[in-house]
Structures are given as structure tokens and as C-alpha cells.
Amino acid sequence: MENKNDFLGTEPIGKLLWKLAVPTLAAQIINMLYNLVDRIYIGKGIGALALGGVGICMPVIMIVSAFAALVSAGGAPRASIFMGQEKNDMAERTLGGCFFLQLFVSAALTVILLLWNRPLLMAFGGSPDTIEYAVSYMNIYALGTIFVQLTLGMNAFITAQGFTRTSMLSVLIGAGFNIVLDPIFIFGFKMGVRGAALATILSQCISCIWVLAFLFGKKTRLRIRTQYMRLTPSIILPCLALGLAPFIMQASESVIAVCFNASLQNYGGDIAVTTMTILISVMQFAMLPLQGIGQGAQPIMSYNYGARNEERVRATFRLLLKVSMGYSMLLWAAVMAFPKVFITMFNNEAPLVAFAVVPLRIYVGAMGIFGAQIACQMAFNALGNAKASIMVAVMRKFILLLPLIYLMPHLLPTDPTRAVYMAEPIADCLSVLFTVVLFRFQFKKAMARLER
């Protein structure tokens, strides 16, 4: 029987990566608008304190996204590998099991966020001036956790099949509604930060309906089937093992944001914490599109690894690395040359803009080489190398960045606030070096397995 997915193994690599990566890249950029648009409207329409309050919610939002990645970032590559091996039944079992698991995870997260959001947000860097804004936003956002989980998680399985335009549309629809609803709820109904949260979850709900309608429908190659909606250990546990590295990367972003906020609150106060919200937002301009490019390459690498086509795996990674490095270098140059343009996107209050210019340049200092980190990380996942992927994630965040956040102010006591921001580029440089060396050895082993 002819394999309907064989275009992943036959079309020219450059054309195929363009075809798959452009929609996923667009989807990541559009998805980025969800939170960025909220911050832009809040920062310019309500003020810096409200922006800081929503910034305190970011670690919680990152955790929600991380749990979606725990299930889908492991499940989707495994589904692609099964398709390359012409085991579509196993691919559908993987999809059904991951969908069922995400329903349980969503319910648990919703309960936790509704019951304990205030103490969590205070621990994450809230102050008496910002906590009410943060709680108001999170009380609404928590109700839409299931929509966020299913949209992010199940959309990965659409991308894994090569339906990148469909996955892009699922994000585009939600982001479009968010852009329209934000000013209506924030200003028209005078709901403030609660309006921003309501606009976000309604938009995610619409995206969720679109994604599930496709995966339950007839156009998809892998369909969610009732008989496969079960937690089978032999199916779920390998997905969780492979998804653990993306989970650590995203969840650690939350832990790191908490540590940054707490340290900056101590040394620089609310203005330093608000600046951190802007810096993380700018970093998303680099991280999410890079992940989008990697997600476009992932089905090609996974499918051909499953089909034992060594040359196409190598060619796909080489092209992924070139594109990722080119993008990260261009964005780094733009931020360094025009920092105020990026800062004033979120707030144009003169004291905040003047304060944030130097921290922004420091924080993104290693952005130019970060394309290599993401390309290697995505390749580890595409090839099913869970151990290496976890090592990279743990090294960058927990072994390097976390200690540096607290160590740097003691090494530069004359300007401890600026020293906190310096932790990021130092950790990034060391992490990229470690990742590239590890990838060289692990990739060689993976290719040798294909030859055997």
C-alpha cells in the first residue's frame, strides 16, 4: 500500500523545509501575539504597574505551556517516526493517548491555579503595588487552561503530519480574535487586565475548537479515535520521556523568571521587574520563531530517521542550522542597533525606557549564536534522543543560569541590578558550547545506528 506521508521522504529538502517551516514559523509568531498584544495594550493603556503585574503571571503561563509540551513534544515526534515506519496504527494510538492525558492535566492545573494563584504570584515576585493586577488576570486566565493545553498540545500532531498550513490557521484564528477582543474588553467594557485575560481565553477556545474539529475529522491522516483514548503505559511513558526535555526547558523558564523577579525586586524594585517583563517579551521574538523553524524541520527528520534515510536526516539538519543561525544573528543586530524601538512597543514612559536600554542590550548579548542551541535541541527531539535533550535543558537553566542569577550581584556589587541581567548571556554562551559538543557526538552515534 502506498504511504500517504512519503512526500516527507521524497521531496527536495529545501522546498520541503520551506513548505513546512514557513507556516510553523508564522504560527509561532502569531502565537507570540497572544501575550505580546496583552502586554502592549496593558502597558500603554493602563500603565507600568499593570504591565509588571501581568509580567508576574508569565511564569504561571509558562508552566501551563510546559505541561502541554510534556505530552505533545514527545508524542508528536514519535507519531512522525511511526509514520516513517508505516505504523499508522501506533501513530494513532500515540495521538489518542496523548489527547486523553492532556484532559487530565488540564483539569488538575485549573484547580491548582484557581485555589492557590495569590500565594503563587506573591512567591513569583509580586509586590503590594502589582499583586492585585496579577491576581485579577490569573483568576480569569485559569478558567481557560484546558483550551490552552489542547490547542498547543494537539496542534503539534497536526504539524507532525505535515499539515503546517492547518496548524498555522489554528493559531491565526485565535490570535486574530485576540487582537480584536483585547481593546473591546480592556477599554470598551473597562475591564482592565481582566479584559485582557478574558480576550485571551475566548480566543484560545476558538482555536481549540478548530484543532479538535480537524483531528476528529476526515481530512487528517492521524485521527483521534475513541478506542485509543486510554493511558497505555507502553505508549504514554516513551512520549513523556521524550517530552521531558521541552518540559524542563519551558518549566525552567518559569523558575528562572521567578528567580529573576525576586532578585531584581530586591536590588532594583518594581521598575527592574517591569523591565524584565519587556526583556522576556523581546527574547520571545527570538525563541518562538526559532522553535517554529525547528518544528517545521522535525517531521522531515523524524520521518526519514524512521525510514532509515541517513542522507536526508543530515541534509535537513544542515539546512535547519543555517536558517536558525541566520535568523538569530539578524534579530540580535536589530535589537542591539535599535533597543528603544523594542522597548517602546510595550511602554513609552520616559523613566522606564531610559532604564531598560542597557539591560536589554546585556540580556540579549548571546542571542546571535542561540540559533545553534535551538537547532541541536530540536534535532535531539526529532531523533527521539530523550537523554541528550534533557541534559541540554538541565545544563542551560539549572546548572548555569540559576546559580548565576544569585552569584553575579556578588561578583559586581557596585551595580547588582545590572549584574543580574548579565547572568543570561553568560549562561547562554556556555550552554551553546556544551550543546554543540554534545550534539556532534550524539548525532554521529544516531547516524551509525542507521547504517547498522
Foldseek 3Di string as FASTA:
>chain_A
DDQPLCCLVDPDLVVLLCLQLVLLLLLLVLLLLLVLVLLLCQCAPPHLLLSLLQLLCVLVVLLLLLVLLLLQLLLLLVLLLCSLLVNNVLNLLSLLQSVLVLVVVLVVQLVCQQPPVQVSSVLLQDDPSRSVSNNLLSNLLSVLSSLSSQLSNLLLNCSLSVVSNLNSVLSNQLSVQLNVQQCCQCPVVVSNSNSSNNSNSVSSNSSNVSSLCVQCDDPDPHHNDPVSNDNDPVSRVLSSLLSVLSSLQSSLVSVLSSLLSVLCCVQPNSLLSSLVSLLVSLVSVLPSSLVSSLSSLLSSLSSCLSNLPLVSNVVSLVVSLVVLLVVQQVSLVVCLVCVLVSVVSRHDDPVSSVVNNLLNNLLCVQSNNCSLVSSLLSSCSSNSVSVLSNVLSCQLRPVQLPVQLVVQCVVVVVRSSSSNSNSNNVSSVVSSVVSVVVSVVVVVVSNVVSVD
